[in-house]
Amino acid sequence: MEAKRPFSDTDWRKTPEPAKEYIVGLERQVTELTSKVDQLFKRVEELENRINKNSSNSNKPPSSDLPYKRPKKKAKKSKLKRGARKGHKGNRKPCLNQPK
């Protein structure tokens, strides 16, 4: 595949032979490195997908999940307020400091 160069064919023909060889070598290196970068991007994406798997999005058992990555279970919110209910007789200990 011929690289698209930012100058005309006449300029290319006027260019000295060592410079042409150098430019062609650089173009070849750029295409090789570009393909290598594409391969590495695919590999990184594959590894990220593999590391993000847990029991909820794969067929792994829940015991294989790490404890610090487990989602916290939310407690069901009660409709009643906390504390004793109305009409409940309270239990209190008698005060020890009072004279009898």
C-alpha atoms as a PDB file:
ATOM      1  CA  MET A   1       0.000   0.000   0.000  1.00  0.00           C
ATOM      2  CA  GLU A   2       1.439   3.293  -1.087  1.00  0.00           C
ATOM      3  CA  ALA A   3       1.468   5.934   1.633  1.00  0.00           C
ATOM      4  CA  LYS A   4      -0.205   9.242   0.863  1.00  0.00           C
ATOM      5  CA  ARG A   5       2.477  11.884   1.002  1.00  0.00           C
ATOM      6  CA  PRO A   6       1.876  15.624   1.439  1.00  0.00           C
ATOM      7  CA  PHE A   7       3.952  16.555  -1.613  1.00  0.00           C
ATOM      8  CA  SER A   8       3.767  15.986  -5.352  1.00  0.00           C
ATOM      9  CA  ASP A   9       5.379  13.213  -7.417  1.00  0.00           C
ATOM     10  CA  THR A  10       7.814  15.688  -8.959  1.00  0.00           C
ATOM     11  CA  ASP A  11       9.030  16.678  -5.496  1.00  0.00           C
ATOM     12  CA  TRP A  12       9.387  12.984  -4.623  1.00  0.00           C
ATOM     13  CA  ARG A  13      11.499  12.353  -7.733  1.00  0.00           C
ATOM     14  CA  LYS A  14      13.745  15.305  -6.863  1.00  0.00           C
ATOM     15  CA  THR A  15      14.310  13.987  -3.332  1.00  0.00           C
ATOM     16  CA  PRO A  16      17.744  12.344  -2.796  1.00  0.00           C
ATOM     17  CA  GLU A  17      17.728   8.539  -2.593  1.00  0.00           C
ATOM     18  CA  PRO A  18      18.903   8.264   1.064  1.00  0.00           C
ATOM     19  CA  ALA A  19      16.094  10.596   2.150  1.00  0.00           C
ATOM     20  CA  LYS A  20      13.557   8.518   0.181  1.00  0.00           C
ATOM     21  CA  GLU A  21      14.756   5.327   1.895  1.00  0.00           C
ATOM     22  CA  TYR A  22      14.523   7.001   5.273  1.00  0.00           C
ATOM     23  CA  ILE A  23      10.985   8.264   4.602  1.00  0.00           C
ATOM     24  CA  VAL A  24       9.831   4.868   3.310  1.00  0.00           C
ATOM     25  CA  GLY A  25      11.323   3.203   6.429  1.00  0.00           C
ATOM     26  CA  LEU A  26       9.506   5.644   8.686  1.00  0.00           C
ATOM     27  CA  GLU A  27       6.212   5.065   6.851  1.00  0.00           C
ATOM     28  CA  ARG A  28       6.649   1.298   7.254  1.00  0.00           C
ATOM     29  CA  GLN A  29       7.403   1.739  10.949  1.00  0.00           C
ATOM     30  CA  VAL A  30       4.322   3.930  11.426  1.00  0.00           C
ATOM     31  CA  THR A  31       2.048   1.304   9.849  1.00  0.00           C
ATOM     32  CA  GLU A  32       3.587  -1.470  11.995  1.00  0.00           C
ATOM     33  CA  LEU A  33       3.215   0.565  15.189  1.00  0.00           C
ATOM     34  CA  THR A  34      -0.356   1.515  14.309  1.00  0.00           C
ATOM     35  CA  SER A  35      -1.329  -2.131  13.917  1.00  0.00           C
ATOM     36  CA  LYS A  36       0.470  -2.981  17.195  1.00  0.00           C
ATOM     37  CA  VAL A  37      -1.441  -0.225  19.014  1.00  0.00           C
ATOM     38  CA  ASP A  38      -4.730  -1.584  17.654  1.00  0.00           C
ATOM     39  CA  GLN A  39      -3.831  -5.068  18.917  1.00  0.00           C
ATOM     40  CA  LEU A  40      -2.940  -3.707  22.342  1.00  0.00           C
ATOM     41  CA  PHE A  41      -6.189  -1.737  22.585  1.00  0.00           C
ATOM     42  CA  LYS A  42      -8.141  -4.919  21.835  1.00  0.00           C
ATOM     43  CA  ARG A  43      -6.115  -6.812  24.455  1.00  0.00           C
ATOM     44  CA  VAL A  44      -6.715  -4.142  27.110  1.00  0.00           C
ATOM     45  CA  GLU A  45     -10.444  -4.161  26.393  1.00  0.00           C
ATOM     46  CA  GLU A  46     -10.527  -7.951  26.662  1.00  0.00           C
ATOM     47  CA  LEU A  47      -8.655  -7.892  29.987  1.00  0.00           C
ATOM     48  CA  GLU A  48     -10.893  -5.145  31.398  1.00  0.00           C
ATOM     49  CA  ASN A  49     -13.962  -7.164  30.481  1.00  0.00           C
ATOM     50  CA  ARG A  50     -12.476 -10.226  32.148  1.00  0.00           C
ATOM     51  CA  ILE A  51     -11.553  -8.400  35.356  1.00  0.00           C
ATOM     52  CA  ASN A  52     -14.994  -6.761  35.673  1.00  0.00           C
ATOM     53  CA  LYS A  53     -16.827 -10.086  35.814  1.00  0.00           C
ATOM     54  CA  ASN A  54     -18.486 -11.114  39.051  1.00  0.00           C
ATOM     55  CA  SER A  55     -21.247 -13.474  40.093  1.00  0.00           C
ATOM     56  CA  SER A  56     -23.988 -11.089  38.982  1.00  0.00           C
ATOM     57  CA  ASN A  57     -22.841 -10.769  35.340  1.00  0.00           C
ATOM     58  CA  SER A  58     -21.297 -14.202  34.682  1.00  0.00           C
ATOM     59  CA  ASN A  59     -21.690 -17.836  35.647  1.00  0.00           C
ATOM     60  CA  LYS A  60     -19.219 -17.548  38.534  1.00  0.00           C
ATOM     61  CA  PRO A  61     -20.411 -18.612  42.005  1.00  0.00           C
ATOM     62  CA  PRO A  62     -21.023 -15.846  44.582  1.00  0.00           C
ATOM     63  CA  SER A  63     -18.275 -17.229  46.796  1.00  0.00           C
ATOM     64  CA  SER A  64     -15.719 -16.195  44.178  1.00  0.00           C
ATOM     65  CA  ASP A  65     -16.577 -12.497  44.609  1.00  0.00           C
ATOM     66  CA  LEU A  66     -14.133 -10.480  46.640  1.00  0.00           C
ATOM     67  CA  PRO A  67     -15.597  -9.231  49.944  1.00  0.00           C
ATOM     68  CA  TYR A  68     -14.736  -5.582  49.376  1.00  0.00           C
ATOM     69  CA  LYS A  69     -16.429  -5.609  45.969  1.00  0.00           C
ATOM     70  CA  ARG A  70     -19.700  -7.138  47.119  1.00  0.00           C
ATOM     71  CA  PRO A  71     -22.651  -4.767  46.935  1.00  0.00           C
ATOM     72  CA  LYS A  72     -23.994  -3.782  50.335  1.00  0.00           C
ATOM     73  CA  LYS A  73     -27.490  -5.005  51.048  1.00  0.00           C
ATOM     74  CA  LYS A  74     -29.898  -2.228  51.866  1.00  0.00           C
ATOM     75  CA  ALA A  75     -32.131  -2.812  54.878  1.00  0.00           C
ATOM     76  CA  LYS A  76     -35.835  -2.546  54.255  1.00  0.00           C
ATOM     77  CA  LYS A  77     -37.128   0.724  55.606  1.00  0.00           C
ATOM     78  CA  SER A  78     -39.882   0.286  58.167  1.00  0.00           C
ATOM     79  CA  LYS A  79     -43.020   2.368  58.019  1.00  0.00           C
ATOM     80  CA  LEU A  80     -43.118   2.555  61.808  1.00  0.00           C
ATOM     81  CA  LYS A  81     -41.074   4.976  63.878  1.00  0.00           C
ATOM     82  CA  ARG A  82     -38.455   3.667  66.256  1.00  0.00           C
ATOM     83  CA  GLY A  83     -39.139   3.192  69.951  1.00  0.00           C
ATOM     84  CA  ALA A  84     -42.000   1.973  72.096  1.00  0.00           C
ATOM     85  CA  ARG A  85     -45.568   2.028  70.845  1.00  0.00           C
ATOM     86  CA  LYS A  86     -48.307   4.193  72.298  1.00  0.00           C
ATOM     87  CA  GLY A  87     -50.020   2.603  75.259  1.00  0.00           C
ATOM     88  CA  HIS A  88     -47.005   0.510  76.191  1.00  0.00           C
ATOM     89  CA  LYS A  89     -46.214   0.587  79.918  1.00  0.00           C
ATOM     90  CA  GLY A  90     -42.562   1.346  80.373  1.00  0.00           C
ATOM     91  CA  ASN A  91     -40.164  -0.694  82.498  1.00  0.00           C
ATOM     92  CA  ARG A  92     -37.923   1.350  84.780  1.00  0.00           C
ATOM     93  CA  LYS A  93     -35.688   0.429  87.647  1.00  0.00           C
ATOM     94  CA  PRO A  94     -36.356   2.216  90.920  1.00  0.00           C
ATOM     95  CA  CYS A  95     -33.885   4.941  91.801  1.00  0.00           C
ATOM     96  CA  LEU A  96     -31.396   3.728  94.475  1.00  0.00           C
ATOM     97  CA  ASN A  97     -30.538   7.167  95.875  1.00  0.00           C
ATOM     98  CA  GLN A  98     -34.028   7.949  97.198  1.00  0.00           C
ATOM     99  CA  PRO A  99     -34.743   7.283 100.889  1.00  0.00           C
ATOM    100  CA  LYS A 100     -37.390   4.666 101.601  1.00  0.00           C
END
